[in-house]
Amino acid sequence: MGDGIYAVYTTIENIQYKGMMSIGFRPTINGKQRVVEVNVFEFDKEIYGEKIQVFVKKYLRPEVKFNGLEELKMQLHLDKVESLKYL
């Protein structure tokens, strides 16, 4: 998989959720390591360190460096709206 933002389904404890995934270096916060982050919609349990399954449905856009966290937050909202079109 290449760096960027994806619409995904995730399975956690045998329940499927909609979400979006980011693969990349997090350039807006000057990240140094490539990371994979999954934002699971309508989910609020603490699952750091747990195994989940991720099924990629659609590539949405490349990774971008924004001019600050507020701009990033606005784009994340747009990414969620776009993700839900495909899920």
N, C-alpha and C. Protein backbone atom coordinates (compact mmCIF):
# COMPACT_ATOMS: atom_id res chain seq x y z
N MET A 1 0.84 -1.17 0.00
CA MET A 1 0.00 0.00 0.00
C MET A 1 0.88 1.24 0.00
N GLY A 2 0.45 2.22 -0.72
CA GLY A 2 1.18 3.48 -0.76
C GLY A 2 0.72 4.44 0.31
N ASP A 3 1.51 5.48 0.53
CA ASP A 3 1.14 6.50 1.50
C ASP A 3 -0.13 7.21 1.04
N GLY A 4 -0.95 7.59 1.99
CA GLY A 4 -2.17 8.32 1.67
C GLY A 4 -3.30 7.98 2.62
N ILE A 5 -4.50 8.40 2.23
CA ILE A 5 -5.70 8.22 3.03
C ILE A 5 -6.63 7.25 2.30
N TYR A 6 -7.21 6.32 3.07
CA TYR A 6 -8.06 5.27 2.51
C TYR A 6 -9.37 5.17 3.28
N ALA A 7 -10.45 4.83 2.60
CA ALA A 7 -11.70 4.43 3.24
C ALA A 7 -11.57 2.95 3.54
N VAL A 8 -11.90 2.54 4.78
CA VAL A 8 -11.70 1.15 5.18
C VAL A 8 -12.87 0.64 6.02
N TYR A 9 -12.99 -0.67 6.05
CA TYR A 9 -13.78 -1.36 7.05
C TYR A 9 -12.80 -1.97 8.04
N THR A 10 -13.17 -2.00 9.30
CA THR A 10 -12.35 -2.67 10.30
C THR A 10 -13.21 -3.67 11.04
N THR A 11 -12.59 -4.77 11.44
CA THR A 11 -13.28 -5.75 12.26
C THR A 11 -12.57 -5.80 13.61
N ILE A 12 -13.36 -5.54 14.65
CA ILE A 12 -12.85 -5.54 16.02
C ILE A 12 -13.80 -6.40 16.85
N GLU A 13 -13.27 -7.43 17.50
CA GLU A 13 -14.09 -8.33 18.31
C GLU A 13 -15.30 -8.85 17.52
N ASN A 14 -15.05 -9.23 16.27
CA ASN A 14 -16.06 -9.81 15.38
C ASN A 14 -17.18 -8.84 14.98
N ILE A 15 -16.98 -7.55 15.15
CA ILE A 15 -17.95 -6.55 14.72
C ILE A 15 -17.27 -5.66 13.68
N GLN A 16 -17.99 -5.40 12.57
CA GLN A 16 -17.41 -4.58 11.50
C GLN A 16 -17.80 -3.11 11.68
N TYR A 17 -16.81 -2.23 11.50
CA TYR A 17 -17.00 -0.79 11.61
C TYR A 17 -16.49 -0.11 10.35
N LYS A 18 -17.02 1.07 10.08
CA LYS A 18 -16.52 1.91 9.01
C LYS A 18 -15.40 2.78 9.57
N GLY A 19 -14.47 3.17 8.67
CA GLY A 19 -13.40 4.04 9.14
C GLY A 19 -12.55 4.57 8.01
N MET A 20 -11.45 5.19 8.38
CA MET A 20 -10.48 5.64 7.38
C MET A 20 -9.09 5.39 7.94
N MET A 21 -8.15 5.22 7.04
CA MET A 21 -6.79 4.86 7.42
C MET A 21 -5.81 5.82 6.76
N SER A 22 -4.78 6.19 7.51
CA SER A 22 -3.70 7.01 7.01
C SER A 22 -2.42 6.20 7.05
N ILE A 23 -1.69 6.21 5.95
CA ILE A 23 -0.37 5.59 5.89
C ILE A 23 0.60 6.70 5.48
N GLY A 24 1.65 6.88 6.26
CA GLY A 24 2.63 7.89 5.88
C GLY A 24 3.43 8.41 7.05
N PHE A 25 4.03 9.56 6.82
CA PHE A 25 4.99 10.14 7.76
C PHE A 25 4.43 11.28 8.59
N ARG A 26 3.16 11.61 8.45
CA ARG A 26 2.51 12.69 9.20
C ARG A 26 3.29 14.00 9.05
N PRO A 27 3.40 14.49 7.80
CA PRO A 27 4.26 15.66 7.55
C PRO A 27 3.81 16.94 8.25
N THR A 28 2.53 17.08 8.55
CA THR A 28 2.07 18.31 9.22
C THR A 28 2.69 18.46 10.59
N ILE A 29 2.99 17.34 11.26
CA ILE A 29 3.63 17.41 12.58
C ILE A 29 5.10 16.97 12.51
N ASN A 30 5.66 17.01 11.31
CA ASN A 30 7.07 16.69 11.07
C ASN A 30 7.44 15.29 11.55
N GLY A 31 6.57 14.33 11.25
CA GLY A 31 6.84 12.95 11.62
C GLY A 31 8.09 12.41 10.94
N LYS A 32 8.79 11.53 11.63
CA LYS A 32 10.04 10.98 11.10
C LYS A 32 9.89 9.51 10.70
N GLN A 33 8.89 8.82 11.24
CA GLN A 33 8.68 7.41 10.93
C GLN A 33 7.39 7.22 10.17
N ARG A 34 7.39 6.24 9.27
CA ARG A 34 6.17 5.89 8.56
C ARG A 34 5.26 5.14 9.51
N VAL A 35 4.01 5.58 9.61
CA VAL A 35 3.05 4.96 10.52
C VAL A 35 1.75 4.65 9.79
N VAL A 36 0.99 3.73 10.37
CA VAL A 36 -0.35 3.41 9.91
C VAL A 36 -1.30 3.76 11.05
N GLU A 37 -2.28 4.60 10.77
CA GLU A 37 -3.27 5.00 11.76
C GLU A 37 -4.66 4.72 11.20
N VAL A 38 -5.52 4.12 12.02
CA VAL A 38 -6.89 3.83 11.60
C VAL A 38 -7.83 4.61 12.52
N ASN A 39 -8.71 5.37 11.91
CA ASN A 39 -9.76 6.09 12.63
C ASN A 39 -11.04 5.28 12.44
N VAL A 40 -11.53 4.67 13.53
CA VAL A 40 -12.73 3.83 13.47
C VAL A 40 -13.92 4.70 13.84
N PHE A 41 -14.89 4.82 12.92
CA PHE A 41 -16.06 5.65 13.15
C PHE A 41 -17.01 4.97 14.14
N GLU A 42 -17.69 5.76 14.94
CA GLU A 42 -18.70 5.27 15.89
C GLU A 42 -18.13 4.21 16.82
N PHE A 43 -16.95 4.46 17.34
CA PHE A 43 -16.26 3.50 18.22
C PHE A 43 -15.50 4.29 19.27
N ASP A 44 -15.63 3.91 20.54
CA ASP A 44 -14.98 4.69 21.58
C ASP A 44 -14.26 3.86 22.65
N LYS A 45 -13.94 2.61 22.34
CA LYS A 45 -13.18 1.79 23.29
C LYS A 45 -11.68 2.01 23.11
N GLU A 46 -10.93 1.81 24.17
CA GLU A 46 -9.46 1.89 24.12
C GLU A 46 -8.94 0.55 23.60
N ILE A 47 -8.31 0.55 22.43
CA ILE A 47 -7.83 -0.71 21.83
C ILE A 47 -6.37 -0.63 21.40
N TYR A 48 -5.62 0.34 21.89
CA TYR A 48 -4.20 0.42 21.54
C TYR A 48 -3.52 -0.89 21.93
N GLY A 49 -2.75 -1.43 21.00
CA GLY A 49 -2.05 -2.68 21.23
C GLY A 49 -2.86 -3.92 20.86
N GLU A 50 -4.15 -3.74 20.58
CA GLU A 50 -4.99 -4.88 20.19
C GLU A 50 -4.87 -5.11 18.69
N LYS A 51 -5.15 -6.34 18.27
CA LYS A 51 -5.15 -6.66 16.84
C LYS A 51 -6.53 -6.41 16.27
N ILE A 52 -6.55 -5.77 15.10
CA ILE A 52 -7.79 -5.57 14.37
C ILE A 52 -7.55 -5.96 12.92
N GLN A 53 -8.61 -6.22 12.20
CA GLN A 53 -8.51 -6.47 10.77
C GLN A 53 -8.94 -5.20 10.04
N VAL A 54 -8.23 -4.87 8.98
CA VAL A 54 -8.53 -3.69 8.19
C VAL A 54 -8.71 -4.12 6.74
N PHE A 55 -9.83 -3.73 6.14
CA PHE A 55 -10.13 -4.05 4.75
C PHE A 55 -10.23 -2.74 3.97
N VAL A 56 -9.32 -2.55 3.04
CA VAL A 56 -9.28 -1.31 2.27
C VAL A 56 -10.37 -1.35 1.20
N LYS A 57 -11.17 -0.31 1.19
CA LYS A 57 -12.25 -0.20 0.21
C LYS A 57 -11.90 0.76 -0.92
N LYS A 58 -11.27 1.92 -0.58
CA LYS A 58 -11.02 2.93 -1.60
C LYS A 58 -9.86 3.84 -1.19
N TYR A 59 -8.95 4.08 -2.11
CA TYR A 59 -7.90 5.09 -1.93
C TYR A 59 -8.55 6.45 -2.14
N LEU A 60 -8.35 7.38 -1.19
CA LEU A 60 -8.99 8.69 -1.28
C LEU A 60 -8.07 9.79 -1.78
N ARG A 61 -6.86 9.86 -1.23
CA ARG A 61 -5.97 10.96 -1.62
C ARG A 61 -4.56 10.69 -1.13
N PRO A 62 -3.57 11.41 -1.68
CA PRO A 62 -2.20 11.26 -1.19
C PRO A 62 -2.02 11.98 0.14
N GLU A 63 -0.94 11.67 0.81
CA GLU A 63 -0.56 12.36 2.04
C GLU A 63 -0.16 13.80 1.70
N VAL A 64 -0.57 14.74 2.55
CA VAL A 64 -0.32 16.16 2.29
C VAL A 64 0.18 16.83 3.57
N LYS A 65 1.07 17.79 3.44
CA LYS A 65 1.49 18.61 4.58
C LYS A 65 0.60 19.84 4.62
N PHE A 66 -0.12 20.01 5.74
CA PHE A 66 -1.02 21.14 5.90
C PHE A 66 -0.31 22.26 6.65
N ASN A 67 -0.91 23.46 6.62
CA ASN A 67 -0.34 24.63 7.27
C ASN A 67 -0.76 24.74 8.73
N GLY A 68 -0.88 23.64 9.40
CA GLY A 68 -1.24 23.65 10.81
C GLY A 68 -2.32 22.64 11.14
N LEU A 69 -2.54 22.45 12.44
CA LEU A 69 -3.48 21.43 12.91
C LEU A 69 -4.94 21.76 12.58
N GLU A 70 -5.30 23.03 12.58
CA GLU A 70 -6.69 23.39 12.25
C GLU A 70 -7.01 23.02 10.80
N GLU A 71 -6.09 23.29 9.90
CA GLU A 71 -6.28 22.92 8.50
C GLU A 71 -6.36 21.40 8.36
N LEU A 72 -5.53 20.69 9.10
CA LEU A 72 -5.56 19.22 9.09
C LEU A 72 -6.90 18.71 9.60
N LYS A 73 -7.40 19.28 10.69
CA LYS A 73 -8.69 18.84 11.25
C LYS A 73 -9.83 19.04 10.25
N MET A 74 -9.81 20.16 9.53
CA MET A 74 -10.85 20.42 8.52
C MET A 74 -10.78 19.37 7.42
N GLN A 75 -9.56 19.02 7.00
CA GLN A 75 -9.40 18.02 5.95
C GLN A 75 -9.84 16.64 6.44
N LEU A 76 -9.55 16.31 7.70
CA LEU A 76 -9.97 15.03 8.25
C LEU A 76 -11.50 14.90 8.23
N HIS A 77 -12.19 15.99 8.51
CA HIS A 77 -13.65 15.97 8.43
C HIS A 77 -14.09 15.68 6.99
N LEU A 78 -13.48 16.36 6.02
CA LEU A 78 -13.81 16.11 4.61
C LEU A 78 -13.47 14.67 4.21
N ASP A 79 -12.36 14.15 4.73
CA ASP A 79 -11.99 12.77 4.43
C ASP A 79 -13.02 11.79 4.97
N LYS A 80 -13.56 12.07 6.16
CA LYS A 80 -14.59 11.19 6.73
C LYS A 80 -15.84 11.20 5.86
N VAL A 81 -16.26 12.38 5.44
CA VAL A 81 -17.43 12.49 4.56
C VAL A 81 -17.20 11.71 3.28
N GLU A 82 -16.02 11.85 2.70
CA GLU A 82 -15.69 11.13 1.46
C GLU A 82 -15.63 9.63 1.70
N SER A 83 -15.07 9.22 2.81
CA SER A 83 -14.99 7.78 3.15
C SER A 83 -16.37 7.16 3.19
N LEU A 84 -17.29 7.86 3.83
CA LEU A 84 -18.63 7.30 4.01
C LEU A 84 -19.37 7.11 2.69
N LYS A 85 -18.98 7.81 1.65
CA LYS A 85 -19.58 7.62 0.33
C LYS A 85 -19.28 6.22 -0.21
N TYR A 86 -18.17 5.62 0.22
CA TYR A 86 -17.74 4.34 -0.33
C TYR A 86 -17.99 3.17 0.62
N LEU A 87 -18.45 3.45 1.82
CA LEU A 87 -18.62 2.39 2.81
C LEU A 87 -20.09 2.08 3.07
